[in-house]
Amino acid sequence: MLVVGFLQWWYTRGWMGFAQGLLDKIRSLADFFSLGLLLRTLFYPFRQISAYSDENASLQKQISAFFDKLLSRTIGAVVRLGILIFGILAITVEAGLGAILAFAWPFIPLVPIVAVFCAIVGVV
C-alpha cells in the first residue's frame, strides 16, 4: 500500500509540484536579475551619473557635458547588457536542467530496481 501511494503521488502531485517549483525558480531568477527593468533602462546613465550643463554655458562645456553623458550612457548600457546576458544564461541553464529532470522524473523510481538487477547480473 505504501509503494502504491508513493507511486501515485510521484506520477501526479509530485510531478506537478516539481514543475511548479521549477517555474517559481525561473520567475525568481528573472526577478533577481530584474530583466524587465534592465531592458527599460538599458541606455540610462550609469548609476544615474550625468553631467549637468547650463544652457548659458560655453560651447566647450556643453560639448564636454554631452560626451560625459554619452560615456555614462555607454557604460550603463554595457553593464546592463552584461547583467542581462548573464541573467538570460542563468535562466536558460535552470530551465534546461529542469527540463532534463522533468523528462527523467518518471524513470527515477526505476533506478533502484535497475541497480539491483545490475548487481545480480554482475554489471559493474
C-alpha atoms as a PDB file:
ATOM      1  CA  MET A   1       0.000   0.000   0.000  1.00  0.00           C
ATOM      2  CA  LEU A   2       2.860   2.349   0.814  1.00  0.00           C
ATOM      3  CA  VAL A   3       4.523   1.727  -2.559  1.00  0.00           C
ATOM      4  CA  VAL A   4       1.257   2.304  -4.414  1.00  0.00           C
ATOM      5  CA  GLY A   5       0.692   5.574  -2.530  1.00  0.00           C
ATOM      6  CA  PHE A   6       4.223   6.711  -3.287  1.00  0.00           C
ATOM      7  CA  LEU A   7       3.910   5.905  -6.987  1.00  0.00           C
ATOM      8  CA  GLN A   8       0.519   7.580  -7.151  1.00  0.00           C
ATOM      9  CA  TRP A   9       1.985  10.734  -5.584  1.00  0.00           C
ATOM     10  CA  TRP A  10       5.171  10.549  -7.701  1.00  0.00           C
ATOM     11  CA  TYR A  11       3.356  10.482 -11.022  1.00  0.00           C
ATOM     12  CA  THR A  12       0.689  13.076 -10.151  1.00  0.00           C
ATOM     13  CA  ARG A  13       1.150  15.669  -7.406  1.00  0.00           C
ATOM     14  CA  GLY A  14       4.905  15.151  -7.091  1.00  0.00           C
ATOM     15  CA  TRP A  15       5.499  15.784 -10.765  1.00  0.00           C
ATOM     16  CA  MET A  16       3.199  18.800 -10.789  1.00  0.00           C
ATOM     17  CA  GLY A  17       4.872  20.128  -7.639  1.00  0.00           C
ATOM     18  CA  PHE A  18       8.273  19.783  -9.264  1.00  0.00           C
ATOM     19  CA  ALA A  19       7.076  21.650 -12.364  1.00  0.00           C
ATOM     20  CA  GLN A  20       5.587  24.417 -10.212  1.00  0.00           C
ATOM     21  CA  GLY A  21       8.819  24.680  -8.219  1.00  0.00           C
ATOM     22  CA  LEU A  22      10.815  24.933 -11.442  1.00  0.00           C
ATOM     23  CA  LEU A  23       8.591  27.745 -12.710  1.00  0.00           C
ATOM     24  CA  ASP A  24       8.933  29.510  -9.361  1.00  0.00           C
ATOM     25  CA  LYS A  25      12.741  29.268  -9.590  1.00  0.00           C
ATOM     26  CA  ILE A  26      12.725  30.702 -13.108  1.00  0.00           C
ATOM     27  CA  ARG A  27      10.443  33.570 -12.036  1.00  0.00           C
ATOM     28  CA  SER A  28      12.688  34.168  -9.040  1.00  0.00           C
ATOM     29  CA  LEU A  29      15.769  34.347 -11.271  1.00  0.00           C
ATOM     30  CA  ALA A  30      14.019  36.773 -13.624  1.00  0.00           C
ATOM     31  CA  ASP A  31      13.047  38.895 -10.640  1.00  0.00           C
ATOM     32  CA  PHE A  32      16.549  38.687  -9.139  1.00  0.00           C
ATOM     33  CA  PHE A  33      18.159  39.928 -12.332  1.00  0.00           C
ATOM     34  CA  SER A  34      15.317  42.445 -12.960  1.00  0.00           C
ATOM     35  CA  LEU A  35      15.322  41.667 -16.652  1.00  0.00           C
ATOM     36  CA  GLY A  36      12.344  43.873 -17.481  1.00  0.00           C
ATOM     37  CA  LEU A  37      13.771  46.842 -15.618  1.00  0.00           C
ATOM     38  CA  LEU A  38      17.177  46.369 -17.237  1.00  0.00           C
ATOM     39  CA  LEU A  39      15.590  46.388 -20.678  1.00  0.00           C
ATOM     40  CA  ARG A  40      13.579  49.538 -19.918  1.00  0.00           C
ATOM     41  CA  THR A  41      16.622  51.374 -18.553  1.00  0.00           C
ATOM     42  CA  LEU A  42      19.245  49.972 -20.916  1.00  0.00           C
ATOM     43  CA  PHE A  43      20.517  53.362 -22.109  1.00  0.00           C
ATOM     44  CA  TYR A  44      20.091  55.298 -18.871  1.00  0.00           C
ATOM     45  CA  PRO A  45      23.253  56.843 -17.441  1.00  0.00           C
ATOM     46  CA  PHE A  46      25.372  54.515 -15.314  1.00  0.00           C
ATOM     47  CA  ARG A  47      24.366  54.876 -11.648  1.00  0.00           C
ATOM     48  CA  GLN A  48      22.342  57.899 -12.714  1.00  0.00           C
ATOM     49  CA  ILE A  49      25.579  59.865 -13.105  1.00  0.00           C
ATOM     50  CA  SER A  50      25.181  62.539 -15.732  1.00  0.00           C
ATOM     51  CA  ALA A  51      26.986  65.751 -16.373  1.00  0.00           C
ATOM     52  CA  TYR A  52      24.967  68.887 -15.921  1.00  0.00           C
ATOM     53  CA  SER A  53      25.458  71.778 -18.257  1.00  0.00           C
ATOM     54  CA  ASP A  54      23.820  75.140 -18.029  1.00  0.00           C
ATOM     55  CA  GLU A  55      22.100  76.412 -21.155  1.00  0.00           C
ATOM     56  CA  ASN A  56      24.202  79.567 -20.914  1.00  0.00           C
ATOM     57  CA  ALA A  57      27.477  77.616 -20.590  1.00  0.00           C
ATOM     58  CA  SER A  58      30.183  77.936 -23.169  1.00  0.00           C
ATOM     59  CA  LEU A  59      30.188  75.685 -26.199  1.00  0.00           C
ATOM     60  CA  GLN A  60      33.217  73.813 -24.860  1.00  0.00           C
ATOM     61  CA  LYS A  61      31.417  72.995 -21.581  1.00  0.00           C
ATOM     62  CA  GLN A  62      28.278  71.908 -23.450  1.00  0.00           C
ATOM     63  CA  ILE A  63      30.295  69.604 -25.698  1.00  0.00           C
ATOM     64  CA  SER A  64      32.164  68.259 -22.684  1.00  0.00           C
ATOM     65  CA  ALA A  65      28.859  67.622 -20.861  1.00  0.00           C
ATOM     66  CA  PHE A  66      27.472  65.901 -23.973  1.00  0.00           C
ATOM     67  CA  PHE A  67      30.399  63.485 -24.176  1.00  0.00           C
ATOM     68  CA  ASP A  68      30.267  62.879 -20.410  1.00  0.00           C
ATOM     69  CA  LYS A  69      26.599  61.942 -20.732  1.00  0.00           C
ATOM     70  CA  LEU A  70      27.348  59.796 -23.767  1.00  0.00           C
ATOM     71  CA  LEU A  71      30.123  57.976 -21.923  1.00  0.00           C
ATOM     72  CA  SER A  72      27.920  57.462 -18.863  1.00  0.00           C
ATOM     73  CA  ARG A  73      25.101  56.058 -21.001  1.00  0.00           C
ATOM     74  CA  THR A  74      27.518  53.793 -22.875  1.00  0.00           C
ATOM     75  CA  ILE A  75      28.945  52.418 -19.638  1.00  0.00           C
ATOM     76  CA  GLY A  76      25.403  51.949 -18.309  1.00  0.00           C
ATOM     77  CA  ALA A  77      24.370  50.089 -21.454  1.00  0.00           C
ATOM     78  CA  VAL A  78      27.427  47.815 -21.338  1.00  0.00           C
ATOM     79  CA  VAL A  79      26.944  46.972 -17.651  1.00  0.00           C
ATOM     80  CA  ARG A  80      23.207  46.396 -18.028  1.00  0.00           C
ATOM     81  CA  LEU A  81      23.704  44.339 -21.177  1.00  0.00           C
ATOM     82  CA  GLY A  82      26.250  42.152 -19.373  1.00  0.00           C
ATOM     83  CA  ILE A  83      23.835  41.575 -16.499  1.00  0.00           C
ATOM     84  CA  LEU A  84      21.040  40.854 -18.979  1.00  0.00           C
ATOM     85  CA  ILE A  85      23.141  38.283 -20.810  1.00  0.00           C
ATOM     86  CA  PHE A  86      24.230  36.630 -17.562  1.00  0.00           C
ATOM     87  CA  GLY A  87      20.624  36.590 -16.295  1.00  0.00           C
ATOM     88  CA  ILE A  88      19.299  35.076 -19.505  1.00  0.00           C
ATOM     89  CA  LEU A  89      22.094  32.496 -19.400  1.00  0.00           C
ATOM     90  CA  ALA A  90      21.242  31.607 -15.774  1.00  0.00           C
ATOM     91  CA  ILE A  91      17.550  31.242 -16.635  1.00  0.00           C
ATOM     92  CA  THR A  92      18.392  29.119 -19.685  1.00  0.00           C
ATOM     93  CA  VAL A  93      20.621  26.805 -17.643  1.00  0.00           C
ATOM     94  CA  GLU A  94      17.979  26.487 -14.910  1.00  0.00           C
ATOM     95  CA  ALA A  95      15.251  25.772 -17.476  1.00  0.00           C
ATOM     96  CA  GLY A  96      17.426  23.275 -19.350  1.00  0.00           C
ATOM     97  CA  LEU A  97      18.419  21.329 -16.254  1.00  0.00           C
ATOM     98  CA  GLY A  98      14.833  21.461 -15.038  1.00  0.00           C
ATOM     99  CA  ALA A  99      13.570  20.126 -18.366  1.00  0.00           C
ATOM    100  CA  ILE A 100      16.074  17.268 -18.254  1.00  0.00           C
ATOM    101  CA  LEU A 101      14.995  16.383 -14.730  1.00  0.00           C
ATOM    102  CA  ALA A 102      11.311  16.698 -15.671  1.00  0.00           C
ATOM    103  CA  PHE A 103      11.804  14.216 -18.510  1.00  0.00           C
ATOM    104  CA  ALA A 104      13.798  11.905 -16.213  1.00  0.00           C
ATOM    105  CA  TRP A 105      11.198  12.188 -13.417  1.00  0.00           C
ATOM    106  CA  PRO A 106       9.110   9.133 -14.484  1.00  0.00           C
ATOM    107  CA  PHE A 107      12.183   6.898 -14.600  1.00  0.00           C
ATOM    108  CA  ILE A 108      13.729   7.821 -11.241  1.00  0.00           C
ATOM    109  CA  PRO A 109      11.689   5.232  -9.263  1.00  0.00           C
ATOM    110  CA  LEU A 110      13.088   2.545 -11.578  1.00  0.00           C
ATOM    111  CA  VAL A 111      16.709   3.290 -10.613  1.00  0.00           C
ATOM    112  CA  PRO A 112      16.766   1.010  -7.518  1.00  0.00           C
ATOM    113  CA  ILE A 113      15.210  -1.844  -9.497  1.00  0.00           C
ATOM    114  CA  VAL A 114      17.753  -1.454 -12.294  1.00  0.00           C
ATOM    115  CA  ALA A 115      20.587  -1.203  -9.751  1.00  0.00           C
ATOM    116  CA  VAL A 116      19.543  -4.461  -8.077  1.00  0.00           C
ATOM    117  CA  PHE A 117      19.237  -6.158 -11.458  1.00  0.00           C
ATOM    118  CA  CYS A 118      22.705  -4.931 -12.486  1.00  0.00           C
ATOM    119  CA  ALA A 119      24.138  -6.167  -9.197  1.00  0.00           C
ATOM    120  CA  ILE A 120      22.614  -9.619  -9.701  1.00  0.00           C
ATOM    121  CA  VAL A 121      23.827  -9.859 -13.300  1.00  0.00           C
ATOM    122  CA  GLY A 122      27.277  -8.616 -12.289  1.00  0.00           C
ATOM    123  CA  VAL A 123      27.438  -5.352 -14.211  1.00  0.00           C
ATOM    124  CA  VAL A 124      29.992  -3.081 -12.618  1.00  0.00           C
END
